[in-house]
Amino acid sequence: MNIAFIGGGNMATALIGGLLDQQLALPADVQVVEIDGARCVELQRRFGVQTATAPGAALAAADVVVLAVKPQQMGDVCAALRPHLAQPLVLSVAAGIRAVDLARWLGLERIVRAMPNTPALVGKGVSGLAALPAVTAADRALAERILQAVGRVVWLAQEQQLDAVTALSGSGPAYVFYFIEALLEAGRELGLTAEQTLTLAIETFVGAAALAAASPEPVATLRAQVTSKGGTTAAALARLEKDEVKQSIVAAIHAACVRAQELGDEFGRSK
């Protein structure tokens, strides 16, 4: 397939790397439109792909166009793209911008919205996907294959569910890093070295996540299995419950979901 990336940032880089590593595309069949000339040079050096600093006639050959720019830029970017596109499948990885607005700006209906997350940079991402009715089964399979190059995918029946995906897994790595930061601070206060604490904290997260993925037990059961009555884990969890940490996390994810909805209103309906 001939695939064009609009934007050459972290997510585009992850997807390009995954597609090339798994031989789902050849460098000659990948083009990137990126306004930063230095970034274009870096992408050419790293992957051997074609690059340009502005949309041009080459985009007409694209079977798939991946929109990987910031939400606030999307309206202007689509206006610049529209004269150069044929009838590609459009795959957007921008938070908040709704498919109906993309269709209006581009004059196209084969649009899939995706919300990947940054672990895609190491091939461990997860993406939620939703499609407009004009997207065919073959289109869905193609979009899925592209996102599976950097991790797992979850299809959603309704596009508005992507706001929840954005809040949960799109922003989710930041929540994990925030918790790791707390573990690092506690480890230092308790007399461990920075290196020791970092290893213990990260491997605990990696191991716990792997156990949750492999076990048939609900995560609540796994938590209970670690928690002996009157023990150290019970003392820690009692403090977390007293401080309503779980409720705060749930409230934070709701706040992120509201902001995702606001992005769609702010940057989608204004053009």
C-alpha atoms as a PDB file:
ATOM      1  CA  MET A   1       0.000   0.000   0.000  1.00  0.00           C
ATOM      2  CA  ASN A   2       1.018   3.592  -0.555  1.00  0.00           C
ATOM      3  CA  ILE A   3       0.563   5.394   2.751  1.00  0.00           C
ATOM      4  CA  ALA A   4       0.958   9.082   3.546  1.00  0.00           C
ATOM      5  CA  PHE A   5       1.473  10.495   7.020  1.00  0.00           C
ATOM      6  CA  ILE A   6       0.439  14.071   7.634  1.00  0.00           C
ATOM      7  CA  GLY A   7       2.663  15.059  10.532  1.00  0.00           C
ATOM      8  CA  GLY A   8       5.943  13.424  11.475  1.00  0.00           C
ATOM      9  CA  GLY A   9       5.800  13.439  15.277  1.00  0.00           C
ATOM     10  CA  ASN A  10       6.038  10.617  17.795  1.00  0.00           C
ATOM     11  CA  MET A  11       2.910   8.714  16.790  1.00  0.00           C
ATOM     12  CA  ALA A  12       3.650   8.898  13.078  1.00  0.00           C
ATOM     13  CA  THR A  13       7.205   7.765  13.810  1.00  0.00           C
ATOM     14  CA  ALA A  14       5.950   4.807  15.830  1.00  0.00           C
ATOM     15  CA  LEU A  15       3.536   3.748  13.090  1.00  0.00           C
ATOM     16  CA  ILE A  16       6.117   4.114  10.334  1.00  0.00           C
ATOM     17  CA  GLY A  17       8.625   2.077  12.315  1.00  0.00           C
ATOM     18  CA  GLY A  18       6.075  -0.640  13.051  1.00  0.00           C
ATOM     19  CA  LEU A  19       4.892  -0.892   9.455  1.00  0.00           C
ATOM     20  CA  LEU A  20       8.433  -1.123   8.106  1.00  0.00           C
ATOM     21  CA  ASP A  21       9.633  -3.546  10.773  1.00  0.00           C
ATOM     22  CA  GLN A  22       6.754  -5.906  10.035  1.00  0.00           C
ATOM     23  CA  GLN A  23       7.173  -5.447   6.276  1.00  0.00           C
ATOM     24  CA  LEU A  24       3.639  -4.156   5.879  1.00  0.00           C
ATOM     25  CA  ALA A  25       5.016  -1.306   3.780  1.00  0.00           C
ATOM     26  CA  LEU A  26       8.210  -0.469   1.938  1.00  0.00           C
ATOM     27  CA  PRO A  27      10.077   2.810   2.515  1.00  0.00           C
ATOM     28  CA  ALA A  28       9.439   3.830  -1.083  1.00  0.00           C
ATOM     29  CA  ASP A  29       5.688   3.524  -0.482  1.00  0.00           C
ATOM     30  CA  VAL A  30       5.645   5.783   2.589  1.00  0.00           C
ATOM     31  CA  GLN A  31       5.484   9.567   2.327  1.00  0.00           C
ATOM     32  CA  VAL A  32       5.441  12.067   5.184  1.00  0.00           C
ATOM     33  CA  VAL A  33       4.279  15.666   5.037  1.00  0.00           C
ATOM     34  CA  GLU A  34       5.946  17.533   7.900  1.00  0.00           C
ATOM     35  CA  ILE A  35       6.446  21.316   8.056  1.00  0.00           C
ATOM     36  CA  ASP A  36       9.663  20.960  10.082  1.00  0.00           C
ATOM     37  CA  GLY A  37      12.439  20.548   7.528  1.00  0.00           C
ATOM     38  CA  ALA A  38      14.893  19.179  10.086  1.00  0.00           C
ATOM     39  CA  ARG A  39      12.360  16.544  11.079  1.00  0.00           C
ATOM     40  CA  CYS A  40      11.975  15.590   7.414  1.00  0.00           C
ATOM     41  CA  VAL A  41      15.719  15.037   7.150  1.00  0.00           C
ATOM     42  CA  GLU A  42      15.663  12.878  10.279  1.00  0.00           C
ATOM     43  CA  LEU A  43      12.798  10.729   8.968  1.00  0.00           C
ATOM     44  CA  GLN A  44      14.556  10.269   5.636  1.00  0.00           C
ATOM     45  CA  ARG A  45      17.759   9.251   7.419  1.00  0.00           C
ATOM     46  CA  ARG A  46      16.066   6.879   9.843  1.00  0.00           C
ATOM     47  CA  PHE A  47      13.529   5.178   7.579  1.00  0.00           C
ATOM     48  CA  GLY A  48      14.374   6.044   3.974  1.00  0.00           C
ATOM     49  CA  VAL A  49      10.858   7.390   3.366  1.00  0.00           C
ATOM     50  CA  GLN A  50       9.805  10.232   1.099  1.00  0.00           C
ATOM     51  CA  THR A  51       9.181  13.560   2.798  1.00  0.00           C
ATOM     52  CA  ALA A  52       7.821  16.987   1.951  1.00  0.00           C
ATOM     53  CA  THR A  53       7.258  20.157   3.945  1.00  0.00           C
ATOM     54  CA  ALA A  54       3.887  20.879   2.289  1.00  0.00           C
ATOM     55  CA  PRO A  55       1.100  18.866   0.596  1.00  0.00           C
ATOM     56  CA  GLY A  56       1.656  18.200  -3.084  1.00  0.00           C
ATOM     57  CA  ALA A  57       0.689  16.120  -6.090  1.00  0.00           C
ATOM     58  CA  ALA A  58       2.333  12.973  -4.673  1.00  0.00           C
ATOM     59  CA  LEU A  59      -0.526  12.633  -2.183  1.00  0.00           C
ATOM     60  CA  ALA A  60      -2.871  11.625  -4.992  1.00  0.00           C
ATOM     61  CA  ALA A  61      -1.139   8.220  -5.051  1.00  0.00           C
ATOM     62  CA  ALA A  62      -1.879   7.504  -1.396  1.00  0.00           C
ATOM     63  CA  ASP A  63      -4.185   4.566  -0.631  1.00  0.00           C
ATOM     64  CA  VAL A  64      -4.236   5.606   3.034  1.00  0.00           C
ATOM     65  CA  VAL A  65      -3.719   9.035   4.576  1.00  0.00           C
ATOM     66  CA  VAL A  66      -2.887   9.094   8.292  1.00  0.00           C
ATOM     67  CA  LEU A  67      -3.692  12.400   9.985  1.00  0.00           C
ATOM     68  CA  ALA A  68      -1.206  12.779  12.826  1.00  0.00           C
ATOM     69  CA  VAL A  69      -1.283  16.489  13.669  1.00  0.00           C
ATOM     70  CA  LYS A  70      -2.501  18.364  16.731  1.00  0.00           C
ATOM     71  CA  PRO A  71      -6.287  18.867  17.062  1.00  0.00           C
ATOM     72  CA  GLN A  72      -6.014  22.652  16.857  1.00  0.00           C
ATOM     73  CA  GLN A  73      -4.210  22.351  13.511  1.00  0.00           C
ATOM     74  CA  MET A  74      -6.547  19.845  11.893  1.00  0.00           C
ATOM     75  CA  GLY A  75      -9.010  22.198  10.185  1.00  0.00           C
ATOM     76  CA  ASP A  76      -6.305  24.178   8.411  1.00  0.00           C
ATOM     77  CA  VAL A  77      -4.360  21.014   7.552  1.00  0.00           C
ATOM     78  CA  CYS A  78      -7.413  19.382   5.972  1.00  0.00           C
ATOM     79  CA  ALA A  79      -8.105  22.499   3.916  1.00  0.00           C
ATOM     80  CA  ALA A  80      -4.545  22.328   2.561  1.00  0.00           C
ATOM     81  CA  LEU A  81      -4.817  18.594   1.864  1.00  0.00           C
ATOM     82  CA  ARG A  82      -8.172  18.521   0.096  1.00  0.00           C
ATOM     83  CA  PRO A  83      -7.026  19.644  -3.380  1.00  0.00           C
ATOM     84  CA  HIS A  84      -4.342  16.940  -3.480  1.00  0.00           C
ATOM     85  CA  LEU A  85      -6.238  13.812  -2.377  1.00  0.00           C
ATOM     86  CA  ALA A  86      -7.877  11.230  -4.623  1.00  0.00           C
ATOM     87  CA  GLN A  87     -10.163   8.840  -2.682  1.00  0.00           C
ATOM     88  CA  PRO A  88      -7.968   7.421   0.075  1.00  0.00           C
ATOM     89  CA  LEU A  89      -8.952   5.791   3.309  1.00  0.00           C
ATOM     90  CA  VAL A  90      -8.364   8.442   5.974  1.00  0.00           C
ATOM     91  CA  LEU A  91      -7.109   7.359   9.384  1.00  0.00           C
ATOM     92  CA  SER A  92      -7.029  10.080  12.044  1.00  0.00           C
ATOM     93  CA  VAL A  93      -5.110   9.714  15.314  1.00  0.00           C
ATOM     94  CA  ALA A  94      -5.961  13.211  16.577  1.00  0.00           C
ATOM     95  CA  ALA A  95      -7.750  13.512  19.915  1.00  0.00           C
ATOM     96  CA  GLY A  96     -11.249  14.935  19.927  1.00  0.00           C
ATOM     97  CA  ILE A  97     -11.706  15.810  16.238  1.00  0.00           C
ATOM     98  CA  ARG A  98     -14.828  14.013  15.063  1.00  0.00           C
ATOM     99  CA  ALA A  99     -15.052  12.009  11.879  1.00  0.00           C
ATOM    100  CA  VAL A 100     -18.025  14.023  10.612  1.00  0.00           C
ATOM    101  CA  ASP A 101     -15.941  17.204  10.785  1.00  0.00           C
ATOM    102  CA  LEU A 102     -13.028  15.527   9.007  1.00  0.00           C
ATOM    103  CA  ALA A 103     -15.450  14.373   6.305  1.00  0.00           C
ATOM    104  CA  ARG A 104     -16.779  17.896   5.891  1.00  0.00           C
ATOM    105  CA  TRP A 105     -13.309  19.429   5.644  1.00  0.00           C
ATOM    106  CA  LEU A 106     -11.898  16.781   3.288  1.00  0.00           C
ATOM    107  CA  GLY A 107     -14.957  15.977   1.175  1.00  0.00           C
ATOM    108  CA  LEU A 108     -14.408  12.268   1.922  1.00  0.00           C
ATOM    109  CA  GLU A 109     -16.459   9.660   3.812  1.00  0.00           C
ATOM    110  CA  ARG A 110     -14.078   6.692   4.228  1.00  0.00           C
ATOM    111  CA  ILE A 111     -12.774   7.852   7.582  1.00  0.00           C
ATOM    112  CA  VAL A 112     -11.574   5.853  10.579  1.00  0.00           C
ATOM    113  CA  ARG A 113     -10.758   7.582  13.847  1.00  0.00           C
ATOM    114  CA  ALA A 114      -8.208   5.972  16.135  1.00  0.00           C
ATOM    115  CA  MET A 115      -6.881   6.784  19.576  1.00  0.00           C
ATOM    116  CA  PRO A 116      -3.525   5.073  20.108  1.00  0.00           C
ATOM    117  CA  ASN A 117      -1.205   5.745  23.041  1.00  0.00           C
ATOM    118  CA  THR A 118       2.508   6.385  23.449  1.00  0.00           C
ATOM    119  CA  PRO A 119       3.570   2.804  24.309  1.00  0.00           C
ATOM    120  CA  ALA A 120       3.161   2.391  20.544  1.00  0.00           C
ATOM    121  CA  LEU A 121       6.709   3.777  20.454  1.00  0.00           C
ATOM    122  CA  VAL A 122       7.902   0.392  21.782  1.00  0.00           C
ATOM    123  CA  GLY A 123       5.279  -1.729  20.020  1.00  0.00           C
ATOM    124  CA  LYS A 124       3.121  -2.036  23.154  1.00  0.00           C
ATOM    125  CA  GLY A 125       0.360   0.419  22.343  1.00  0.00           C
ATOM    126  CA  VAL A 126      -3.383  -0.053  22.399  1.00  0.00           C
ATOM    127  CA  SER A 127      -5.792   1.788  20.119  1.00  0.00           C
ATOM    128  CA  GLY A 128      -9.520   2.339  20.063  1.00  0.00           C
ATOM    129  CA  LEU A 129     -11.031   2.598  16.565  1.00  0.00           C
ATOM    130  CA  ALA A 130     -14.354   3.836  15.186  1.00  0.00           C
ATOM    131  CA  ALA A 131     -15.491   4.228  11.584  1.00  0.00           C
ATOM    132  CA  LEU A 132     -18.020   6.165   9.528  1.00  0.00           C
ATOM    133  CA  PRO A 133     -20.667   4.048   7.706  1.00  0.00           C
ATOM    134  CA  ALA A 134     -18.910   4.468   4.343  1.00  0.00           C
ATOM    135  CA  VAL A 135     -15.881   2.525   5.607  1.00  0.00           C
ATOM    136  CA  THR A 136     -15.913  -0.964   4.106  1.00  0.00           C
ATOM    137  CA  ALA A 137     -14.893  -4.231   5.727  1.00  0.00           C
ATOM    138  CA  ALA A 138     -11.678  -4.107   3.696  1.00  0.00           C
ATOM    139  CA  ASP A 139     -11.040  -0.559   4.938  1.00  0.00           C
ATOM    140  CA  ARG A 140     -11.556  -1.655   8.533  1.00  0.00           C
ATOM    141  CA  ALA A 141      -9.135  -4.533   8.067  1.00  0.00           C
ATOM    142  CA  LEU A 142      -6.550  -2.165   6.593  1.00  0.00           C
ATOM    143  CA  ALA A 143      -6.893   0.350   9.434  1.00  0.00           C
ATOM    144  CA  GLU A 144      -6.636  -2.480  11.944  1.00  0.00           C
ATOM    145  CA  ARG A 145      -3.489  -3.822  10.274  1.00  0.00           C
ATOM    146  CA  ILE A 146      -1.831  -0.397  10.453  1.00  0.00           C
ATOM    147  CA  LEU A 147      -2.570   0.073  14.163  1.00  0.00           C
ATOM    148  CA  GLN A 148      -1.683  -3.531  15.007  1.00  0.00           C
ATOM    149  CA  ALA A 149       1.835  -2.753  13.802  1.00  0.00           C
ATOM    150  CA  VAL A 150       2.320  -0.964  17.141  1.00  0.00           C
ATOM    151  CA  GLY A 151       0.048  -2.913  19.491  1.00  0.00           C
ATOM    152  CA  ARG A 152      -3.493  -4.123  20.056  1.00  0.00           C
ATOM    153  CA  VAL A 153      -6.749  -2.632  18.791  1.00  0.00           C
ATOM    154  CA  VAL A 154     -10.294  -2.373  20.127  1.00  0.00           C
ATOM    155  CA  TRP A 155     -13.183  -1.531  17.777  1.00  0.00           C
ATOM    156  CA  LEU A 156     -15.976   0.655  19.137  1.00  0.00           C
ATOM    157  CA  ALA A 157     -19.592   0.632  18.041  1.00  0.00           C
ATOM    158  CA  GLN A 158     -20.034   4.381  18.549  1.00  0.00           C
ATOM    159  CA  GLU A 159     -17.542   7.127  17.810  1.00  0.00           C
ATOM    160  CA  GLN A 160     -18.357   9.067  20.988  1.00  0.00           C
ATOM    161  CA  GLN A 161     -16.839   6.180  22.949  1.00  0.00           C
ATOM    162  CA  LEU A 162     -13.463   7.375  21.680  1.00  0.00           C
ATOM    163  CA  ASP A 163     -13.644  10.200  24.205  1.00  0.00           C
ATOM    164  CA  ALA A 164     -13.652   7.570  26.960  1.00  0.00           C
ATOM    165  CA  VAL A 165     -10.800   5.707  25.240  1.00  0.00           C
ATOM    166  CA  THR A 166      -8.844   8.951  25.049  1.00  0.00           C
ATOM    167  CA  ALA A 167      -9.353   9.491  28.777  1.00  0.00           C
ATOM    168  CA  LEU A 168      -8.585   5.908  29.782  1.00  0.00           C
ATOM    169  CA  SER A 169      -5.796   4.610  27.554  1.00  0.00           C
ATOM    170  CA  GLY A 170      -4.809   7.615  25.441  1.00  0.00           C
ATOM    171  CA  SER A 171      -3.937   9.632  28.537  1.00  0.00           C
ATOM    172  CA  GLY A 172      -3.417   6.495  30.609  1.00  0.00           C
ATOM    173  CA  PRO A 173       0.382   6.230  30.290  1.00  0.00           C
ATOM    174  CA  ALA A 174       0.653   9.579  32.078  1.00  0.00           C
ATOM    175  CA  TYR A 175      -1.289   8.158  35.018  1.00  0.00           C
ATOM    176  CA  VAL A 176       1.075   5.186  35.183  1.00  0.00           C
ATOM    177  CA  PHE A 177       4.140   7.438  35.016  1.00  0.00           C
ATOM    178  CA  TYR A 178       2.618   9.616  37.759  1.00  0.00           C
ATOM    179  CA  PHE A 179       2.285   6.565  40.011  1.00  0.00           C
ATOM    180  CA  ILE A 180       5.834   5.475  39.195  1.00  0.00           C
ATOM    181  CA  GLU A 181       7.036   8.958  40.161  1.00  0.00           C
ATOM    182  CA  ALA A 182       5.359   8.481  43.559  1.00  0.00           C
ATOM    183  CA  LEU A 183       7.070   5.107  44.009  1.00  0.00           C
ATOM    184  CA  LEU A 184      10.417   6.678  43.150  1.00  0.00           C
ATOM    185  CA  GLU A 185       9.923   9.438  45.703  1.00  0.00           C
ATOM    186  CA  ALA A 186       8.913   6.956  48.395  1.00  0.00           C
ATOM    187  CA  GLY A 187      11.853   4.677  47.624  1.00  0.00           C
ATOM    188  CA  ARG A 188      14.339   7.526  47.990  1.00  0.00           C
ATOM    189  CA  GLU A 189      12.739   8.620  51.267  1.00  0.00           C
ATOM    190  CA  LEU A 190      13.045   5.049  52.567  1.00  0.00           C
ATOM    191  CA  GLY A 191      16.767   4.906  51.843  1.00  0.00           C
ATOM    192  CA  LEU A 192      16.998   3.078  48.509  1.00  0.00           C
ATOM    193  CA  THR A 193      19.217   4.388  45.748  1.00  0.00           C
ATOM    194  CA  ALA A 194      17.688   5.999  42.671  1.00  0.00           C
ATOM    195  CA  GLU A 195      18.816   3.066  40.520  1.00  0.00           C
ATOM    196  CA  GLN A 196      17.400   0.472  42.911  1.00  0.00           C
ATOM    197  CA  THR A 197      14.099   2.307  43.197  1.00  0.00           C
ATOM    198  CA  LEU A 198      13.715   2.752  39.443  1.00  0.00           C
ATOM    199  CA  THR A 199      14.313  -0.956  38.782  1.00  0.00           C
ATOM    200  CA  LEU A 200      11.928  -2.058  41.524  1.00  0.00           C
ATOM    201  CA  ALA A 201       9.197   0.382  40.519  1.00  0.00           C
ATOM    202  CA  ILE A 202       9.238  -0.301  36.787  1.00  0.00           C
ATOM    203  CA  GLU A 203       9.566  -4.068  37.085  1.00  0.00           C
ATOM    204  CA  THR A 204       6.689  -4.110  39.578  1.00  0.00           C
ATOM    205  CA  PHE A 205       4.460  -2.376  37.038  1.00  0.00           C
ATOM    206  CA  VAL A 206       5.624  -4.588  34.171  1.00  0.00           C
ATOM    207  CA  GLY A 207       5.183  -7.753  36.204  1.00  0.00           C
ATOM    208  CA  ALA A 208       1.801  -6.813  37.663  1.00  0.00           C
ATOM    209  CA  ALA A 209       0.459  -5.879  34.233  1.00  0.00           C
ATOM    210  CA  ALA A 210       1.747  -9.142  32.751  1.00  0.00           C
ATOM    211  CA  LEU A 211       0.130 -11.112  35.583  1.00  0.00           C
ATOM    212  CA  ALA A 212      -3.187  -9.300  35.100  1.00  0.00           C
ATOM    213  CA  ALA A 213      -3.041 -10.020  31.363  1.00  0.00           C
ATOM    214  CA  ALA A 214      -2.209 -13.711  31.852  1.00  0.00           C
ATOM    215  CA  SER A 215      -4.484 -14.539  34.788  1.00  0.00           C
ATOM    216  CA  PRO A 216      -8.156 -15.526  34.411  1.00  0.00           C
ATOM    217  CA  GLU A 217      -8.838 -13.916  37.780  1.00  0.00           C
ATOM    218  CA  PRO A 218     -10.376 -10.428  38.033  1.00  0.00           C
ATOM    219  CA  VAL A 219      -7.871  -7.756  39.014  1.00  0.00           C
ATOM    220  CA  ALA A 220      -9.718  -7.243  42.311  1.00  0.00           C
ATOM    221  CA  THR A 221      -9.037 -10.900  43.149  1.00  0.00           C
ATOM    222  CA  LEU A 222      -5.351 -10.510  42.245  1.00  0.00           C
ATOM    223  CA  ARG A 223      -5.171  -7.498  44.540  1.00  0.00           C
ATOM    224  CA  ALA A 224      -6.808  -9.458  47.369  1.00  0.00           C
ATOM    225  CA  GLN A 225      -4.333 -12.309  46.900  1.00  0.00           C
ATOM    226  CA  VAL A 226      -1.461  -9.910  47.628  1.00  0.00           C
ATOM    227  CA  THR A 227      -3.199  -8.432  50.666  1.00  0.00           C
ATOM    228  CA  SER A 228      -2.755 -10.406  53.894  1.00  0.00           C
ATOM    229  CA  LYS A 229      -4.930  -9.335  56.779  1.00  0.00           C
ATOM    230  CA  GLY A 230      -2.947  -7.066  59.083  1.00  0.00           C
ATOM    231  CA  GLY A 231       0.038  -7.056  56.724  1.00  0.00           C
ATOM    232  CA  THR A 232       2.038  -4.391  54.943  1.00  0.00           C
ATOM    233  CA  THR A 233      -0.107  -4.296  51.806  1.00  0.00           C
ATOM    234  CA  ALA A 234      -3.259  -3.974  53.893  1.00  0.00           C
ATOM    235  CA  ALA A 235      -1.715  -0.986  55.706  1.00  0.00           C
ATOM    236  CA  ALA A 236      -0.869   0.697  52.403  1.00  0.00           C
ATOM    237  CA  LEU A 237      -4.282   0.069  50.867  1.00  0.00           C
ATOM    238  CA  ALA A 238      -6.047   1.312  53.988  1.00  0.00           C
ATOM    239  CA  ARG A 239      -4.214   4.617  53.613  1.00  0.00           C
ATOM    240  CA  LEU A 240      -5.099   4.825  49.926  1.00  0.00           C
ATOM    241  CA  GLU A 241      -8.758   4.182  50.751  1.00  0.00           C
ATOM    242  CA  LYS A 242      -8.694   6.801  53.510  1.00  0.00           C
ATOM    243  CA  ASP A 243      -7.333   9.350  51.035  1.00  0.00           C
ATOM    244  CA  GLU A 244      -9.926   8.304  48.426  1.00  0.00           C
ATOM    245  CA  VAL A 245      -7.229   7.683  45.835  1.00  0.00           C
ATOM    246  CA  LYS A 246      -9.416   5.397  43.710  1.00  0.00           C
ATOM    247  CA  GLN A 247     -12.216   7.953  43.624  1.00  0.00           C
ATOM    248  CA  SER A 248      -9.721  10.640  42.626  1.00  0.00           C
ATOM    249  CA  ILE A 249      -8.402   8.536  39.757  1.00  0.00           C
ATOM    250  CA  VAL A 250     -11.930   7.860  38.491  1.00  0.00           C
ATOM    251  CA  ALA A 251     -12.735  11.581  38.725  1.00  0.00           C
ATOM    252  CA  ALA A 252      -9.535  12.439  36.855  1.00  0.00           C
ATOM    253  CA  ILE A 253     -10.462  10.120  33.977  1.00  0.00           C
ATOM    254  CA  HIS A 254     -13.917  11.697  33.803  1.00  0.00           C
ATOM    255  CA  ALA A 255     -12.219  15.108  33.581  1.00  0.00           C
ATOM    256  CA  ALA A 256     -10.061  13.874  30.703  1.00  0.00           C
ATOM    257  CA  CYS A 257     -13.143  12.550  28.905  1.00  0.00           C
ATOM    258  CA  VAL A 258     -14.900  15.913  29.254  1.00  0.00           C
ATOM    259  CA  ARG A 259     -11.828  17.643  27.827  1.00  0.00           C
ATOM    260  CA  ALA A 260     -11.802  15.260  24.844  1.00  0.00           C
ATOM    261  CA  GLN A 261     -15.418  16.201  24.161  1.00  0.00           C
ATOM    262  CA  GLU A 262     -14.531  19.886  24.468  1.00  0.00           C
ATOM    263  CA  LEU A 263     -11.723  19.493  21.941  1.00  0.00           C
ATOM    264  CA  GLY A 264     -14.215  18.180  19.401  1.00  0.00           C
ATOM    265  CA  ASP A 265     -16.490  21.145  20.000  1.00  0.00           C
ATOM    266  CA  GLU A 266     -13.705  23.698  20.094  1.00  0.00           C
ATOM    267  CA  PHE A 267     -11.644  22.674  17.097  1.00  0.00           C
ATOM    268  CA  GLY A 268     -14.155  20.711  15.022  1.00  0.00           C
ATOM    269  CA  ARG A 269     -17.274  22.839  14.869  1.00  0.00           C
ATOM    270  CA  SER A 270     -15.439  26.166  14.538  1.00  0.00           C
ATOM    271  CA  LYS A 271     -14.356  25.720  10.919  1.00  0.00           C
END
